[in-house]
Amino acid sequence: MLGRHRADVRPVAAGELGEALLAPLGGRILAKLADIVIVFLPVYVVLAVVVPDSFLTVLAVTQVALVVYDTALTAGTGATPGKRLMRIKVVRMRTGRPPGFVPALIRAVLGVPFYLMPAVTALFDERANRGGHDRLAATVVVAA
C-alpha cells in the first residue's frame, strides 16, 4: 500500500474492527484521481458526440455521475475501484462496517464539488486524517 510506513498511517478506533490502520492521505488522493478518470473518460466521450462544444454540460454530468458512482460503490462495500487499487476503504467510525447509503451520499455530495477540500480539511485532523465530509458522515478511511 502506498505510504504504509509513513507517519500518517497509524491505528484508529473503527468500531467492530477494533483498531484499523488509517489510509495514507496520498493513497486517498490517488484513489480519488483514479475514480475521476474512470468516470470522466466515458462521460466525456459520450457527451463529446452528443453535445459537442459544451464544457459546462460535461462538467455537470460528470459531477452527478461521480456522486452516483461514489455513493453506489461506497455504500455497500466501502470502496470504489480507485480505493480498491490503493487498498483502502471507507467504514463507519462506530461499527467499522461499510457506511451505507446516507453516509456514502453525504461523503459523495460534499467531496465531489470541492475535490481538494476533503484533502485540505483532513490535514487539520491529526488524530484520524478525516476530512469534513468524513466527519459529517461519521466515517473514516482505513487500509483494506
C-alpha atoms as a PDB file:
ATOM      1  CA  MET A   1       0.000   0.000   0.000  1.00  0.00           C
ATOM      2  CA  LEU A   2       1.208   3.495  -0.779  1.00  0.00           C
ATOM      3  CA  GLY A   3       2.796   5.073   2.275  1.00  0.00           C
ATOM      4  CA  ARG A   4       2.320   2.124   4.659  1.00  0.00           C
ATOM      5  CA  HIS A   5       5.364   3.160   6.698  1.00  0.00           C
ATOM      6  CA  ARG A   6       4.604   6.859   6.752  1.00  0.00           C
ATOM      7  CA  ALA A   7       3.695   8.842   9.839  1.00  0.00           C
ATOM      8  CA  ASP A   8       0.134   9.408   8.574  1.00  0.00           C
ATOM      9  CA  VAL A   9      -0.535   5.644   8.653  1.00  0.00           C
ATOM     10  CA  ARG A  10      -1.441   4.900  12.250  1.00  0.00           C
ATOM     11  CA  PRO A  11      -4.118   2.976  14.109  1.00  0.00           C
ATOM     12  CA  VAL A  12      -7.566   4.453  14.639  1.00  0.00           C
ATOM     13  CA  ALA A  13     -10.561   3.035  16.509  1.00  0.00           C
ATOM     14  CA  ALA A  14     -13.073   1.694  13.992  1.00  0.00           C
ATOM     15  CA  GLY A  15     -15.926   0.011  15.822  1.00  0.00           C
ATOM     16  CA  GLU A  16     -16.073  -3.750  15.445  1.00  0.00           C
ATOM     17  CA  LEU A  17     -12.783  -3.726  13.535  1.00  0.00           C
ATOM     18  CA  GLY A  18     -11.118  -2.662  16.764  1.00  0.00           C
ATOM     19  CA  GLU A  19      -8.144  -0.702  15.576  1.00  0.00           C
ATOM     20  CA  ALA A  20      -7.550  -0.268  11.869  1.00  0.00           C
ATOM     21  CA  LEU A  21      -4.702   1.469  10.075  1.00  0.00           C
ATOM     22  CA  LEU A  22      -5.604   4.861   8.681  1.00  0.00           C
ATOM     23  CA  ALA A  23      -5.345   5.168   4.935  1.00  0.00           C
ATOM     24  CA  PRO A  24      -2.466   7.444   3.938  1.00  0.00           C
ATOM     25  CA  LEU A  25      -3.519  10.824   2.578  1.00  0.00           C
ATOM     26  CA  GLY A  26      -1.526  10.244  -0.625  1.00  0.00           C
ATOM     27  CA  GLY A  27      -3.378   6.979  -1.221  1.00  0.00           C
ATOM     28  CA  ARG A  28      -6.702   8.716  -0.703  1.00  0.00           C
ATOM     29  CA  ILE A  29      -5.817  11.407  -3.232  1.00  0.00           C
ATOM     30  CA  LEU A  30      -4.602   8.870  -5.814  1.00  0.00           C
ATOM     31  CA  ALA A  31      -7.778   6.810  -5.317  1.00  0.00           C
ATOM     32  CA  LYS A  32      -9.917   9.907  -5.945  1.00  0.00           C
ATOM     33  CA  LEU A  33      -7.938  10.776  -9.075  1.00  0.00           C
ATOM     34  CA  ALA A  34      -8.346   7.219 -10.397  1.00  0.00           C
ATOM     35  CA  ASP A  35     -12.103   7.363  -9.776  1.00  0.00           C
ATOM     36  CA  ILE A  36     -12.368  10.739 -11.514  1.00  0.00           C
ATOM     37  CA  VAL A  37     -10.618   9.315 -14.590  1.00  0.00           C
ATOM     38  CA  ILE A  38     -12.826   6.192 -14.534  1.00  0.00           C
ATOM     39  CA  VAL A  39     -15.975   8.334 -14.526  1.00  0.00           C
ATOM     40  CA  PHE A  40     -14.828  11.311 -16.601  1.00  0.00           C
ATOM     41  CA  LEU A  41     -13.496   9.493 -19.671  1.00  0.00           C
ATOM     42  CA  PRO A  42     -16.706   7.629 -20.628  1.00  0.00           C
ATOM     43  CA  VAL A  43     -18.861  10.674 -19.814  1.00  0.00           C
ATOM     44  CA  TYR A  44     -16.623  12.916 -21.911  1.00  0.00           C
ATOM     45  CA  VAL A  45     -16.524  10.519 -24.874  1.00  0.00           C
ATOM     46  CA  VAL A  46     -20.324  10.129 -24.931  1.00  0.00           C
ATOM     47  CA  LEU A  47     -21.082  13.810 -24.397  1.00  0.00           C
ATOM     48  CA  ALA A  48     -18.473  14.947 -26.928  1.00  0.00           C
ATOM     49  CA  VAL A  49     -20.527  13.133 -29.555  1.00  0.00           C
ATOM     50  CA  VAL A  50     -23.986  14.032 -28.223  1.00  0.00           C
ATOM     51  CA  VAL A  51     -23.364  17.632 -27.097  1.00  0.00           C
ATOM     52  CA  PRO A  52     -20.167  18.925 -28.729  1.00  0.00           C
ATOM     53  CA  ASP A  53     -18.672  22.205 -27.505  1.00  0.00           C
ATOM     54  CA  SER A  54     -20.429  22.136 -24.146  1.00  0.00           C
ATOM     55  CA  PHE A  55     -17.839  22.048 -21.382  1.00  0.00           C
ATOM     56  CA  LEU A  56     -20.378  23.048 -18.717  1.00  0.00           C
ATOM     57  CA  THR A  57     -22.650  20.152 -19.664  1.00  0.00           C
ATOM     58  CA  VAL A  58     -19.727  17.722 -19.459  1.00  0.00           C
ATOM     59  CA  LEU A  59     -18.732  19.172 -16.084  1.00  0.00           C
ATOM     60  CA  ALA A  60     -22.272  19.000 -14.665  1.00  0.00           C
ATOM     61  CA  VAL A  61     -22.947  15.461 -15.900  1.00  0.00           C
ATOM     62  CA  THR A  62     -19.544  14.326 -14.618  1.00  0.00           C
ATOM     63  CA  GLN A  63     -20.307  15.762 -11.161  1.00  0.00           C
ATOM     64  CA  VAL A  64     -23.634  13.923 -10.996  1.00  0.00           C
ATOM     65  CA  ALA A  65     -22.038  10.730 -12.325  1.00  0.00           C
ATOM     66  CA  LEU A  66     -19.289  10.944  -9.679  1.00  0.00           C
ATOM     67  CA  VAL A  67     -21.843  11.315  -6.884  1.00  0.00           C
ATOM     68  CA  VAL A  68     -23.861   8.324  -8.135  1.00  0.00           C
ATOM     69  CA  TYR A  69     -20.715   6.225  -8.723  1.00  0.00           C
ATOM     70  CA  ASP A  70     -19.142   7.016  -5.355  1.00  0.00           C
ATOM     71  CA  THR A  71     -22.380   6.608  -3.387  1.00  0.00           C
ATOM     72  CA  ALA A  72     -23.380   3.321  -5.009  1.00  0.00           C
ATOM     73  CA  LEU A  73     -19.979   1.690  -4.642  1.00  0.00           C
ATOM     74  CA  THR A  74     -19.007   3.058  -1.232  1.00  0.00           C
ATOM     75  CA  ALA A  75     -22.374   2.415   0.459  1.00  0.00           C
ATOM     76  CA  GLY A  76     -22.240  -1.371   0.309  1.00  0.00           C
ATOM     77  CA  THR A  77     -18.568  -2.282   0.106  1.00  0.00           C
ATOM     78  CA  GLY A  78     -16.783   0.820   1.377  1.00  0.00           C
ATOM     79  CA  ALA A  79     -14.656   1.010  -1.755  1.00  0.00           C
ATOM     80  CA  THR A  80     -14.663   2.273  -5.313  1.00  0.00           C
ATOM     81  CA  PRO A  81     -12.259   0.829  -7.917  1.00  0.00           C
ATOM     82  CA  GLY A  82      -9.822   3.655  -7.109  1.00  0.00           C
ATOM     83  CA  LYS A  83      -9.940   2.835  -3.399  1.00  0.00           C
ATOM     84  CA  ARG A  84      -9.514  -0.881  -4.131  1.00  0.00           C
ATOM     85  CA  LEU A  85      -6.495  -0.073  -6.294  1.00  0.00           C
ATOM     86  CA  MET A  86      -4.962   1.814  -3.366  1.00  0.00           C
ATOM     87  CA  ARG A  87      -6.108  -0.864  -0.878  1.00  0.00           C
ATOM     88  CA  ILE A  88      -8.220   1.477   1.208  1.00  0.00           C
ATOM     89  CA  LYS A  89     -11.878   1.568   2.200  1.00  0.00           C
ATOM     90  CA  VAL A  90     -14.439   3.743   3.970  1.00  0.00           C
ATOM     91  CA  VAL A  91     -16.000   2.483   7.197  1.00  0.00           C
ATOM     92  CA  ARG A  92     -18.356   3.841   9.850  1.00  0.00           C
ATOM     93  CA  MET A  93     -16.447   5.098  12.888  1.00  0.00           C
ATOM     94  CA  ARG A  94     -18.786   3.346  15.332  1.00  0.00           C
ATOM     95  CA  THR A  95     -19.177  -0.016  13.644  1.00  0.00           C
ATOM     96  CA  GLY A  96     -16.204  -0.462  11.323  1.00  0.00           C
ATOM     97  CA  ARG A  97     -18.624  -1.605   8.616  1.00  0.00           C
ATOM     98  CA  PRO A  98     -19.280  -0.075   5.171  1.00  0.00           C
ATOM     99  CA  PRO A  99     -21.064   3.251   5.568  1.00  0.00           C
ATOM    100  CA  GLY A 100     -24.438   2.524   3.980  1.00  0.00           C
ATOM    101  CA  PHE A 101     -26.417   4.788   1.662  1.00  0.00           C
ATOM    102  CA  VAL A 102     -26.898   8.048   3.614  1.00  0.00           C
ATOM    103  CA  PRO A 103     -23.302   8.426   4.892  1.00  0.00           C
ATOM    104  CA  ALA A 104     -21.951   7.450   1.457  1.00  0.00           C
ATOM    105  CA  LEU A 105     -24.207  10.052  -0.170  1.00  0.00           C
ATOM    106  CA  ILE A 106     -23.089  12.722   2.328  1.00  0.00           C
ATOM    107  CA  ARG A 107     -19.428  11.944   1.601  1.00  0.00           C
ATOM    108  CA  ALA A 108     -20.007  11.967  -2.165  1.00  0.00           C
ATOM    109  CA  VAL A 109     -22.035  15.179  -2.278  1.00  0.00           C
ATOM    110  CA  LEU A 110     -19.583  17.063  -0.064  1.00  0.00           C
ATOM    111  CA  GLY A 111     -16.461  15.508  -1.581  1.00  0.00           C
ATOM    112  CA  VAL A 112     -17.096  15.799  -5.309  1.00  0.00           C
ATOM    113  CA  PRO A 113     -17.695  19.514  -5.936  1.00  0.00           C
ATOM    114  CA  PHE A 114     -14.612  20.514  -3.969  1.00  0.00           C
ATOM    115  CA  TYR A 115     -12.028  17.904  -4.981  1.00  0.00           C
ATOM    116  CA  LEU A 116      -9.218  19.292  -2.847  1.00  0.00           C
ATOM    117  CA  MET A 117     -11.312  20.412   0.124  1.00  0.00           C
ATOM    118  CA  PRO A 118     -11.555  16.940   1.727  1.00  0.00           C
ATOM    119  CA  ALA A 119      -7.769  16.559   1.492  1.00  0.00           C
ATOM    120  CA  VAL A 120      -7.141  20.027   2.918  1.00  0.00           C
ATOM    121  CA  THR A 121      -9.566  19.555   5.826  1.00  0.00           C
ATOM    122  CA  ALA A 122      -8.040  16.112   6.522  1.00  0.00           C
ATOM    123  CA  LEU A 123      -4.698  17.823   7.165  1.00  0.00           C
ATOM    124  CA  PHE A 124      -6.226  19.528  10.207  1.00  0.00           C
ATOM    125  CA  ASP A 125      -7.384  16.291  11.848  1.00  0.00           C
ATOM    126  CA  GLU A 126      -4.156  14.976  13.341  1.00  0.00           C
ATOM    127  CA  ARG A 127      -5.899  12.051  15.052  1.00  0.00           C
ATOM    128  CA  ALA A 128      -7.659  10.406  12.112  1.00  0.00           C
ATOM    129  CA  ASN A 129      -6.988  12.419   8.899  1.00  0.00           C
ATOM    130  CA  ARG A 130     -10.750  12.837   8.454  1.00  0.00           C
ATOM    131  CA  GLY A 131     -11.997  15.460   6.039  1.00  0.00           C
ATOM    132  CA  GLY A 132     -15.126  17.491   6.706  1.00  0.00           C
ATOM    133  CA  HIS A 133     -17.138  15.079   4.571  1.00  0.00           C
ATOM    134  CA  ASP A 134     -15.915  12.156   6.725  1.00  0.00           C
ATOM    135  CA  ARG A 135     -16.808  13.951   9.959  1.00  0.00           C
ATOM    136  CA  LEU A 136     -20.328  14.766   8.775  1.00  0.00           C
ATOM    137  CA  ALA A 137     -20.841  11.193   7.542  1.00  0.00           C
ATOM    138  CA  ALA A 138     -19.264   9.658  10.704  1.00  0.00           C
ATOM    139  CA  THR A 139     -16.783   7.706   8.547  1.00  0.00           C
ATOM    140  CA  VAL A 140     -13.045   7.131   8.378  1.00  0.00           C
ATOM    141  CA  VAL A 141     -10.861   5.841   5.522  1.00  0.00           C
ATOM    142  CA  VAL A 142      -8.701   2.886   6.563  1.00  0.00           C
ATOM    143  CA  ALA A 143      -6.325   0.386   4.987  1.00  0.00           C
ATOM    144  CA  ALA A 144      -8.278  -2.506   3.475  1.00  0.00           C
END
